PDB file of all heavy atoms in Angstrom:
ATOM      1  N   GLY A   1     118.556 110.936  78.037  1.00  0.00           N
ATOM      2  CA  GLY A   1     119.250 110.012  78.902  1.00  0.00           C
ATOM      3  C   GLY A   1     120.184 110.692  79.886  1.00  0.00           C
ATOM      4  O   GLY A   1     120.235 110.344  81.063  1.00  0.00           O
ATOM      5  N   SER A   2     120.861 111.705  79.402  1.00  0.00           N
ATOM      6  CA  SER A   2     121.822 112.405  80.256  1.00  0.00           C
ATOM      7  C   SER A   2     121.038 113.225  81.311  1.00  0.00           C
ATOM      8  O   SER A   2     121.393 113.288  82.485  1.00  0.00           O
ATOM      9  CB  SER A   2     122.647 113.407  79.402  1.00  0.00           C
ATOM     10  OG  SER A   2     123.569 114.096  80.212  1.00  0.00           O
ATOM     11  N   PHE A   3     119.920 113.827  80.909  1.00  0.00           N
ATOM     12  CA  PHE A   3     119.049 114.595  81.874  1.00  0.00           C
ATOM     13  C   PHE A   3     118.551 113.710  82.965  1.00  0.00           C
ATOM     14  O   PHE A   3     118.658 113.978  84.168  1.00  0.00           O
ATOM     15  CB  PHE A   3     117.883 115.252  81.057  1.00  0.00           C
ATOM     16  CG  PHE A   3     117.005 116.115  81.912  1.00  0.00           C
ATOM     17  CD1 PHE A   3     117.242 117.469  82.034  1.00  0.00           C
ATOM     18  CD2 PHE A   3     115.895 115.560  82.554  1.00  0.00           C
ATOM     19  CE1 PHE A   3     116.429 118.266  82.804  1.00  0.00           C
ATOM     20  CE2 PHE A   3     115.052 116.379  83.364  1.00  0.00           C
ATOM     21  CZ  PHE A   3     115.318 117.728  83.462  1.00  0.00           C
ATOM     22  N   ILE A   4     117.904 112.552  82.562  1.00  0.00           N
ATOM     23  CA  ILE A   4     117.331 111.665  83.571  1.00  0.00           C
ATOM     24  C   ILE A   4     118.461 111.050  84.431  1.00  0.00           C
ATOM     25  O   ILE A   4     118.364 110.945  85.694  1.00  0.00           O
ATOM     26  CB  ILE A   4     116.514 110.557  82.871  1.00  0.00           C
ATOM     27  CG1 ILE A   4     115.282 111.191  82.222  1.00  0.00           C
ATOM     28  CG2 ILE A   4     116.090 109.490  83.873  1.00  0.00           C
ATOM     29  CD1 ILE A   4     114.556 110.239  81.294  1.00  0.00           C
ATOM     30  N   GLY A   5     119.528 110.629  83.781  1.00  0.00           N
ATOM     31  CA  GLY A   5     120.595 109.955  84.511  1.00  0.00           C
ATOM     32  C   GLY A   5     121.253 110.845  85.537  1.00  0.00           C
ATOM     33  O   GLY A   5     121.504 110.449  86.658  1.00  0.00           O
ATOM     34  N   ASN A   6     121.569 112.125  85.163  1.00  0.00           N
ATOM     35  CA  ASN A   6     122.149 113.054  86.071  1.00  0.00           C
ATOM     36  C   ASN A   6     121.236 113.386  87.266  1.00  0.00           C
ATOM     37  O   ASN A   6     121.665 113.449  88.412  1.00  0.00           O
ATOM     38  CB  ASN A   6     122.520 114.331  85.335  1.00  0.00           C
ATOM     39  CG  ASN A   6     123.915 114.273  84.739  1.00  0.00           C
ATOM     40  OD1 ASN A   6     124.927 114.604  85.364  1.00  0.00           O
ATOM     41  ND2 ASN A   6     123.943 113.855  83.474  1.00  0.00           N
ATOM     42  N   GLY A   7     119.908 113.534  87.009  1.00  0.00           N
ATOM     43  CA  GLY A   7     118.975 113.768  88.047  1.00  0.00           C
ATOM     44  C   GLY A   7     118.923 112.617  89.045  1.00  0.00           C
ATOM     45  O   GLY A   7     118.945 112.833  90.216  1.00  0.00           O
ATOM     46  N   ALA A   8     118.938 111.393  88.515  1.00  0.00           N
ATOM     47  CA  ALA A   8     118.870 110.196  89.419  1.00  0.00           C
ATOM     48  C   ALA A   8     120.177 110.052  90.194  1.00  0.00           C
ATOM     49  O   ALA A   8     120.138 109.804  91.397  1.00  0.00           O
ATOM     50  CB  ALA A   8     118.628 108.977  88.534  1.00  0.00           C
ATOM     51  N   VAL A   9     121.313 110.227  89.512  1.00  0.00           N
ATOM     52  CA  VAL A   9     122.600 110.061  90.218  1.00  0.00           C
ATOM     53  C   VAL A   9     122.759 111.051  91.321  1.00  0.00           C
ATOM     54  O   VAL A   9     123.225 110.759  92.391  1.00  0.00           O
ATOM     55  CB  VAL A   9     123.736 110.155  89.164  1.00  0.00           C
ATOM     56  CG1 VAL A   9     125.106 110.276  89.903  1.00  0.00           C
ATOM     57  CG2 VAL A   9     123.747 108.917  88.283  1.00  0.00           C
ATOM     58  N   LEU A  10     122.383 112.314  91.047  1.00  0.00           N
ATOM     59  CA  LEU A  10     122.561 113.351  92.119  1.00  0.00           C
ATOM     60  C   LEU A  10     121.583 113.143  93.292  1.00  0.00           C
ATOM     61  O   LEU A  10     121.940 113.355  94.415  1.00  0.00           O
ATOM     62  CB  LEU A  10     122.374 114.754  91.505  1.00  0.00           C
ATOM     63  CG  LEU A  10     123.703 115.376  91.041  1.00  0.00           C
ATOM     64  CD1 LEU A  10     124.566 115.734  92.271  1.00  0.00           C
ATOM     65  CD2 LEU A  10     124.448 114.550  90.067  1.00  0.00           C
ATOM     66  N   THR A  11     120.362 112.678  92.949  1.00  0.00           N
ATOM     67  CA  THR A  11     119.445 112.330  94.034  1.00  0.00           C
ATOM     68  C   THR A  11     120.040 111.220  94.897  1.00  0.00           C
ATOM     69  O   THR A  11     119.997 111.247  96.114  1.00  0.00           O
ATOM     70  CB  THR A  11     118.091 111.889  93.470  1.00  0.00           C
ATOM     71  OG1 THR A  11     117.539 112.986  92.723  1.00  0.00           O
ATOM     72  CG2 THR A  11     117.118 111.497  94.627  1.00  0.00           C
ATOM     73  N   TYR A  12     120.579 110.220  94.222  1.00  0.00           N
ATOM     74  CA  TYR A  12     121.237 109.113  94.926  1.00  0.00           C
ATOM     75  C   TYR A  12     122.429 109.583  95.757  1.00  0.00           C
ATOM     76  O   TYR A  12     122.534 109.211  96.941  1.00  0.00           O
ATOM     77  CB  TYR A  12     121.665 108.077  93.895  1.00  0.00           C
ATOM     78  CG  TYR A  12     122.533 106.939  94.475  1.00  0.00           C
ATOM     79  CD1 TYR A  12     121.900 105.912  95.175  1.00  0.00           C
ATOM     80  CD2 TYR A  12     123.895 106.914  94.342  1.00  0.00           C
ATOM     81  CE1 TYR A  12     122.649 104.846  95.720  1.00  0.00           C
ATOM     82  CE2 TYR A  12     124.659 105.881  94.871  1.00  0.00           C
ATOM     83  CZ  TYR A  12     124.018 104.871  95.568  1.00  0.00           C
ATOM     84  OH  TYR A  12     124.763 103.842  96.138  1.00  0.00           O
ATOM     85  N   ASN A  13     123.268 110.399  95.163  1.00  0.00           N
ATOM     86  CA  ASN A  13     124.457 110.871  95.893  1.00  0.00           C
ATOM     87  C   ASN A  13     124.128 111.683  97.160  1.00  0.00           C
ATOM     88  O   ASN A  13     124.693 111.445  98.222  1.00  0.00           O
ATOM     89  CB  ASN A  13     125.332 111.736  94.970  1.00  0.00           C
ATOM     90  CG  ASN A  13     126.137 110.920  94.020  1.00  0.00           C
ATOM     91  OD1 ASN A  13     126.273 109.726  94.185  1.00  0.00           O
ATOM     92  ND2 ASN A  13     126.669 111.546  92.967  1.00  0.00           N
ATOM     93  N   VAL A  14     123.178 112.580  97.010  1.00  0.00           N
ATOM     94  CA  VAL A  14     122.794 113.409  98.180  1.00  0.00           C
ATOM     95  C   VAL A  14     122.196 112.528  99.293  1.00  0.00           C
ATOM     96  O   VAL A  14     122.601 112.659 100.479  1.00  0.00           O
ATOM     97  CB  VAL A  14     121.771 114.505  97.772  1.00  0.00           C
ATOM     98  CG1 VAL A  14     121.198 115.175  99.031  1.00  0.00           C
ATOM     99  CG2 VAL A  14     122.444 115.523  96.897  1.00  0.00           C
ATOM    100  N   THR A  15     121.300 111.641  98.947  1.00  0.00           N
ATOM    101  CA  THR A  15     120.644 110.862  99.994  1.00  0.00           C
ATOM    102  C   THR A  15     121.552 109.814 100.621  1.00  0.00           C
ATOM    103  O   THR A  15     121.600 109.669 101.836  1.00  0.00           O
ATOM    104  CB  THR A  15     119.363 110.165  99.388  1.00  0.00           C
ATOM    105  OG1 THR A  15     119.721 109.471  98.188  1.00  0.00           O
ATOM    106  CG2 THR A  15     118.321 111.167  99.094  1.00  0.00           C
ATOM    107  N   GLN A  16     122.341 109.115  99.787  1.00  0.00           N
ATOM    108  CA  GLN A  16     123.179 108.062 100.375  1.00  0.00           C
ATOM    109  C   GLN A  16     124.386 108.646 101.144  1.00  0.00           C
ATOM    110  O   GLN A  16     124.759 108.099 102.173  1.00  0.00           O
ATOM    111  CB  GLN A  16     123.613 107.052  99.329  1.00  0.00           C
ATOM    112  CG  GLN A  16     124.454 107.521  98.215  1.00  0.00           C
ATOM    113  CD  GLN A  16     125.979 107.408  98.492  1.00  0.00           C
ATOM    114  OE1 GLN A  16     126.341 106.822  99.497  1.00  0.00           O
ATOM    115  NE2 GLN A  16     126.774 107.958  97.606  1.00  0.00           N
ATOM    116  N   VAL A  17     124.953 109.748 100.645  1.00  0.00           N
ATOM    117  CA  VAL A  17     126.044 110.364 101.409  1.00  0.00           C
ATOM    118  C   VAL A  17     125.573 110.926 102.727  1.00  0.00           C
ATOM    119  O   VAL A  17     126.236 110.721 103.763  1.00  0.00           O
ATOM    120  CB  VAL A  17     126.710 111.479 100.552  1.00  0.00           C
ATOM    121  CG1 VAL A  17     127.653 112.333 101.391  1.00  0.00           C
ATOM    122  CG2 VAL A  17     127.514 110.877  99.408  1.00  0.00           C
ATOM    123  N   SER A  18     124.453 111.594 102.733  1.00  0.00           N
ATOM    124  CA  SER A  18     123.849 112.105 103.984  1.00  0.00           C
ATOM    125  C   SER A  18     123.547 110.990 104.925  1.00  0.00           C
ATOM    126  O   SER A  18     123.811 111.087 106.151  1.00  0.00           O
ATOM    127  CB  SER A  18     122.624 112.908 103.666  1.00  0.00           C
ATOM    128  OG  SER A  18     122.850 114.011 102.815  1.00  0.00           O
ATOM    129  N   LEU A  19     123.036 109.875 104.426  1.00  0.00           N
ATOM    130  CA  LEU A  19     122.700 108.735 105.302  1.00  0.00           C
ATOM    131  C   LEU A  19     123.963 108.161 105.885  1.00  0.00           C
ATOM    132  O   LEU A  19     124.014 107.853 107.066  1.00  0.00           O
ATOM    133  CB  LEU A  19     121.942 107.659 104.458  1.00  0.00           C
ATOM    134  CG  LEU A  19     121.589 106.364 105.208  1.00  0.00           C
ATOM    135  CD1 LEU A  19     120.721 106.653 106.388  1.00  0.00           C
ATOM    136  CD2 LEU A  19     120.958 105.394 104.226  1.00  0.00           C
ATOM    137  N   ARG A  20     125.013 107.994 105.085  1.00  0.00           N
ATOM    138  CA  ARG A  20     126.254 107.426 105.622  1.00  0.00           C
ATOM    139  C   ARG A  20     126.858 108.359 106.630  1.00  0.00           C
ATOM    140  O   ARG A  20     127.420 107.914 107.658  1.00  0.00           O
ATOM    141  CB  ARG A  20     127.239 107.229 104.462  1.00  0.00           C
ATOM    142  CG  ARG A  20     126.909 106.029 103.550  1.00  0.00           C
ATOM    143  CD  ARG A  20     128.045 105.651 102.635  1.00  0.00           C
ATOM    144  NE  ARG A  20     128.310 106.550 101.562  1.00  0.00           N
ATOM    145  CZ  ARG A  20     129.451 107.236 101.411  1.00  0.00           C
ATOM    146  NH1 ARG A  20     130.378 107.213 102.318  1.00  0.00           N
ATOM    147  NH2 ARG A  20     129.576 108.033 100.316  1.00  0.00           N
ATOM    148  N   GLN A  21     126.781 109.676 106.447  1.00  0.00           N
ATOM    149  CA  GLN A  21     127.328 110.624 107.401  1.00  0.00           C
ATOM    150  C   GLN A  21     126.583 110.560 108.735  1.00  0.00           C
ATOM    151  O   GLN A  21     127.192 110.698 109.779  1.00  0.00           O
ATOM    152  CB  GLN A  21     127.327 112.028 106.854  1.00  0.00           C
ATOM    153  CG  GLN A  21     128.353 112.245 105.725  1.00  0.00           C
ATOM    154  CD  GLN A  21     128.251 113.571 105.053  1.00  0.00           C
ATOM    155  OE1 GLN A  21     127.176 114.216 105.139  1.00  0.00           O
ATOM    156  NE2 GLN A  21     129.270 114.029 104.360  1.00  0.00           N
ATOM    157  N   ARG A  22     125.284 110.372 108.622  1.00  0.00           N
ATOM    158  CA  ARG A  22     124.482 110.267 109.865  1.00  0.00           C
ATOM    159  C   ARG A  22     124.794 109.002 110.659  1.00  0.00           C
ATOM    160  O   ARG A  22     124.752 108.985 111.886  1.00  0.00           O
ATOM    161  CB  ARG A  22     122.984 110.305 109.510  1.00  0.00           C
ATOM    162  CG  ARG A  22     122.469 111.643 109.041  1.00  0.00           C
ATOM    163  CD  ARG A  22     120.976 111.832 109.319  1.00  0.00           C
ATOM    164  NE  ARG A  22     120.190 110.666 108.913  1.00  0.00           N
ATOM    165  CZ  ARG A  22     119.627 110.511 107.762  1.00  0.00           C
ATOM    166  NH1 ARG A  22     119.770 111.434 106.821  1.00  0.00           N
ATOM    167  NH2 ARG A  22     118.895 109.441 107.481  1.00  0.00           N
ATOM    168  N   LEU A  23     125.045 107.925 109.949  1.00  0.00           N
ATOM    169  CA  LEU A  23     125.241 106.632 110.611  1.00  0.00           C
ATOM    170  C   LEU A  23     126.659 106.412 111.117  1.00  0.00           C
ATOM    171  O   LEU A  23     126.918 105.440 111.813  1.00  0.00           O
ATOM    172  CB  LEU A  23     124.918 105.497 109.576  1.00  0.00           C
ATOM    173  CG  LEU A  23     123.443 105.421 109.148  1.00  0.00           C
ATOM    174  CD1 LEU A  23     123.268 104.364 108.021  1.00  0.00           C
ATOM    175  CD2 LEU A  23     122.558 105.060 110.326  1.00  0.00           C
ATOM    176  N   CYS A  24     127.583 107.256 110.680  1.00  0.00           N
ATOM    177  CA  CYS A  24     129.010 107.077 111.048  1.00  0.00           C
ATOM    178  C   CYS A  24     129.453 108.016 112.152  1.00  0.00           C
ATOM    179  O   CYS A  24     129.202 109.224 112.073  1.00  0.00           O
ATOM    180  CB  CYS A  24     129.903 107.232 109.789  1.00  0.00           C
ATOM    181  SG  CYS A  24     131.630 106.962 110.075  1.00  0.00           S
ATOM    182  N   PRO A  25     130.179 107.529 113.169  1.00  0.00           N
ATOM    183  CA  PRO A  25     130.748 108.397 114.151  1.00  0.00           C
ATOM    184  C   PRO A  25     131.787 109.342 113.544  1.00  0.00           C
ATOM    185  O   PRO A  25     132.460 108.993 112.609  1.00  0.00           O
ATOM    186  CB  PRO A  25     131.474 107.457 115.149  1.00  0.00           C
ATOM    187  CG  PRO A  25     130.867 106.090 114.882  1.00  0.00           C
ATOM    188  CD  PRO A  25     130.466 106.089 113.464  1.00  0.00           C
ATOM    189  N   PRO A  26     131.818 110.622 113.977  1.00  0.00           N
ATOM    190  CA  PRO A  26     132.705 111.596 113.338  1.00  0.00           C
ATOM    191  C   PRO A  26     134.160 111.209 113.242  1.00  0.00           C
ATOM    192  O   PRO A  26     134.791 111.482 112.259  1.00  0.00           O
ATOM    193  CB  PRO A  26     132.547 112.832 114.221  1.00  0.00           C
ATOM    194  CG  PRO A  26     131.171 112.712 114.845  1.00  0.00           C
ATOM    195  CD  PRO A  26     130.979 111.253 115.064  1.00  0.00           C
ATOM    196  N   HIS A  27     134.659 110.504 114.273  1.00  0.00           N
ATOM    197  CA  HIS A  27     136.104 110.143 114.224  1.00  0.00           C
ATOM    198  C   HIS A  27     136.399 109.053 113.191  1.00  0.00           C
ATOM    199  O   HIS A  27     137.597 108.789 112.874  1.00  0.00           O
ATOM    200  CB  HIS A  27     136.554 109.698 115.616  1.00  0.00           C
ATOM    201  CG  HIS A  27     136.011 108.389 116.101  1.00  0.00           C
ATOM    202  ND1 HIS A  27     134.718 108.311 116.602  1.00  0.00           N
ATOM    203  CD2 HIS A  27     136.511 107.111 116.011  1.00  0.00           C
ATOM    204  CE1 HIS A  27     134.495 107.023 116.925  1.00  0.00           C
ATOM    205  NE2 HIS A  27     135.575 106.276 116.616  1.00  0.00           N
ATOM    206  N   LEU A  28     135.377 108.439 112.639  1.00  0.00           N
ATOM    207  CA  LEU A  28     135.515 107.408 111.590  1.00  0.00           C
ATOM    208  C   LEU A  28     135.189 107.864 110.202  1.00  0.00           C
ATOM    209  O   LEU A  28     135.255 107.100 109.254  1.00  0.00           O
ATOM    210  CB  LEU A  28     134.675 106.173 111.933  1.00  0.00           C
ATOM    211  CG  LEU A  28     135.253 105.148 112.894  1.00  0.00           C
ATOM    212  CD1 LEU A  28     134.209 104.074 113.228  1.00  0.00           C
ATOM    213  CD2 LEU A  28     136.499 104.480 112.317  1.00  0.00           C
ATOM    214  N   LEU A  29     134.749 109.127 110.093  1.00  0.00           N
ATOM    215  CA  LEU A  29     134.261 109.584 108.780  1.00  0.00           C
ATOM    216  C   LEU A  29     135.261 109.464 107.686  1.00  0.00           C
ATOM    217  O   LEU A  29     134.927 109.022 106.554  1.00  0.00           O
ATOM    218  CB  LEU A  29     133.821 111.087 108.902  1.00  0.00           C
ATOM    219  CG  LEU A  29     132.413 111.297 109.521  1.00  0.00           C
ATOM    220  CD1 LEU A  29     132.219 112.776 109.805  1.00  0.00           C
ATOM    221  CD2 LEU A  29     131.343 110.792 108.520  1.00  0.00           C
ATOM    222  N   GLY A  30     136.530 109.906 107.910  1.00  0.00           N
ATOM    223  CA  GLY A  30     137.507 109.776 106.845  1.00  0.00           C
ATOM    224  C   GLY A  30     137.777 108.401 106.387  1.00  0.00           C
ATOM    225  O   GLY A  30     137.789 108.047 105.241  1.00  0.00           O
TER     226      GLY A  30
END
């Protein structure tokens, strides 16, 4: 469970954080 869960969570984190950074203007990032 820890192996699968960590793999899924990190895939989610990388993809959703990158998506949010692409969609947000730099001056609003913080």
